[in-house]
Amino acid sequence: MFERAKALDLIESALDTEPYCRVCGSPTTVTEDGGHLVLECAAAESPQGVIARIGALVLPHTRLEIVDLSEGVAA
């Protein structure tokens, strides 16, 4: 299991480094995806409008793995 203090430090650092998506400017959030903590664009799942959907295909929204919880390894 990953040390809690280290995991919190990595999360805070990721949010400080990438507070907004590089593509669309939406805020980033930390989510859990299959045993991984991931920093991702809050708007990536539901782009609004045709231009936004095309843009999401060409320029992927921010998605960075922060912590692998299954192995206790920082990404």
C-alpha atoms as a PDB file:
ATOM      1  CA  MET A   1       0.000   0.000   0.000  1.00  0.00           C
ATOM      2  CA  PHE A   2       1.212   3.461  -0.838  1.00  0.00           C
ATOM      3  CA  GLU A   3       2.107   5.719   2.079  1.00  0.00           C
ATOM      4  CA  ARG A   4      -0.774   8.178   2.591  1.00  0.00           C
ATOM      5  CA  ALA A   5       1.388  11.252   3.166  1.00  0.00           C
ATOM      6  CA  LYS A   6       3.408  10.552   0.008  1.00  0.00           C
ATOM      7  CA  ALA A   7       0.233   9.964  -2.031  1.00  0.00           C
ATOM      8  CA  LEU A   8      -1.300  13.234  -0.795  1.00  0.00           C
ATOM      9  CA  ASP A   9       1.926  15.060  -1.612  1.00  0.00           C
ATOM     10  CA  LEU A  10       1.884  13.659  -5.167  1.00  0.00           C
ATOM     11  CA  ILE A  11      -1.777  14.613  -5.629  1.00  0.00           C
ATOM     12  CA  GLU A  12      -1.213  18.164  -4.397  1.00  0.00           C
ATOM     13  CA  SER A  13       1.848  18.525  -6.596  1.00  0.00           C
ATOM     14  CA  ALA A  14      -0.038  17.307  -9.676  1.00  0.00           C
ATOM     15  CA  LEU A  15      -2.930  19.696  -9.018  1.00  0.00           C
ATOM     16  CA  ASP A  16      -0.509  22.598  -8.508  1.00  0.00           C
ATOM     17  CA  THR A  17       1.386  21.751 -11.711  1.00  0.00           C
ATOM     18  CA  GLU A  18      -1.677  21.154 -13.929  1.00  0.00           C
ATOM     19  CA  PRO A  19      -4.668  22.984 -12.396  1.00  0.00           C
ATOM     20  CA  TYR A  20      -6.283  23.362 -15.818  1.00  0.00           C
ATOM     21  CA  CYS A  21      -6.475  21.246 -18.959  1.00  0.00           C
ATOM     22  CA  ARG A  22      -3.849  22.280 -21.526  1.00  0.00           C
ATOM     23  CA  VAL A  23      -6.348  21.850 -24.356  1.00  0.00           C
ATOM     24  CA  CYS A  24      -9.620  23.378 -23.199  1.00  0.00           C
ATOM     25  CA  GLY A  25      -8.792  25.237 -19.980  1.00  0.00           C
ATOM     26  CA  SER A  26     -11.280  23.307 -17.823  1.00  0.00           C
ATOM     27  CA  PRO A  27     -10.229  22.461 -14.262  1.00  0.00           C
ATOM     28  CA  THR A  28      -8.508  19.138 -13.659  1.00  0.00           C
ATOM     29  CA  THR A  29      -9.680  16.606 -11.093  1.00  0.00           C
ATOM     30  CA  VAL A  30      -8.216  13.497  -9.492  1.00  0.00           C
ATOM     31  CA  THR A  31     -10.123  10.290 -10.198  1.00  0.00           C
ATOM     32  CA  GLU A  32      -9.564   6.592  -9.544  1.00  0.00           C
ATOM     33  CA  ASP A  33      -9.370   4.376 -12.623  1.00  0.00           C
ATOM     34  CA  GLY A  34      -8.644   0.689 -12.190  1.00  0.00           C
ATOM     35  CA  GLY A  35      -6.332   1.029  -9.207  1.00  0.00           C
ATOM     36  CA  HIS A  36      -4.653   4.200 -10.470  1.00  0.00           C
ATOM     37  CA  LEU A  37      -5.113   7.782  -9.328  1.00  0.00           C
ATOM     38  CA  VAL A  38      -5.326   9.919 -12.447  1.00  0.00           C
ATOM     39  CA  LEU A  39      -5.290  13.679 -12.949  1.00  0.00           C
ATOM     40  CA  GLU A  40      -7.691  14.402 -15.795  1.00  0.00           C
ATOM     41  CA  CYS A  41      -9.668  17.169 -17.431  1.00  0.00           C
ATOM     42  CA  ALA A  42     -13.098  17.557 -15.857  1.00  0.00           C
ATOM     43  CA  ALA A  43     -14.656  18.200 -19.284  1.00  0.00           C
ATOM     44  CA  ALA A  44     -12.951  15.353 -21.168  1.00  0.00           C
ATOM     45  CA  GLU A  45     -15.851  12.924 -20.744  1.00  0.00           C
ATOM     46  CA  SER A  46     -18.500  15.231 -22.178  1.00  0.00           C
ATOM     47  CA  PRO A  47     -17.192  17.715 -24.757  1.00  0.00           C
ATOM     48  CA  GLN A  48     -19.858  20.290 -25.617  1.00  0.00           C
ATOM     49  CA  GLY A  49     -20.511  20.879 -29.304  1.00  0.00           C
ATOM     50  CA  VAL A  50     -19.158  19.557 -32.589  1.00  0.00           C
ATOM     51  CA  ILE A  51     -15.958  21.641 -32.493  1.00  0.00           C
ATOM     52  CA  ALA A  52     -15.159  20.422 -28.956  1.00  0.00           C
ATOM     53  CA  ARG A  53     -15.656  16.767 -29.961  1.00  0.00           C
ATOM     54  CA  ILE A  54     -13.399  17.143 -33.015  1.00  0.00           C
ATOM     55  CA  GLY A  55     -10.817  18.975 -30.924  1.00  0.00           C
ATOM     56  CA  ALA A  56     -10.848  16.180 -28.341  1.00  0.00           C
ATOM     57  CA  LEU A  57      -9.885  13.704 -31.073  1.00  0.00           C
ATOM     58  CA  VAL A  58      -7.051  15.859 -32.415  1.00  0.00           C
ATOM     59  CA  LEU A  59      -5.677  17.173 -29.105  1.00  0.00           C
ATOM     60  CA  PRO A  60      -6.326  14.837 -26.180  1.00  0.00           C
ATOM     61  CA  HIS A  61      -7.318  16.463 -22.897  1.00  0.00           C
ATOM     62  CA  THR A  62      -5.007  16.308 -19.886  1.00  0.00           C
ATOM     63  CA  ARG A  63      -4.783  12.797 -18.400  1.00  0.00           C
ATOM     64  CA  LEU A  64      -1.786  11.970 -16.187  1.00  0.00           C
ATOM     65  CA  GLU A  65      -1.329   8.973 -13.928  1.00  0.00           C
ATOM     66  CA  ILE A  66      -0.291  10.092 -10.449  1.00  0.00           C
ATOM     67  CA  VAL A  67      -0.207   6.955  -8.280  1.00  0.00           C
ATOM     68  CA  ASP A  68      -0.538   3.232  -8.994  1.00  0.00           C
ATOM     69  CA  LEU A  69      -2.440   2.072  -5.914  1.00  0.00           C
ATOM     70  CA  SER A  70      -2.223  -1.608  -6.735  1.00  0.00           C
ATOM     71  CA  GLU A  71       1.576  -1.693  -6.511  1.00  0.00           C
ATOM     72  CA  GLY A  72       2.111   1.328  -4.294  1.00  0.00           C
ATOM     73  CA  VAL A  73       4.255   2.957  -6.967  1.00  0.00           C
ATOM     74  CA  ALA A  74       4.224   6.651  -7.866  1.00  0.00           C
ATOM     75  CA  ALA A  75       3.829   7.386 -11.556  1.00  0.00           C
END
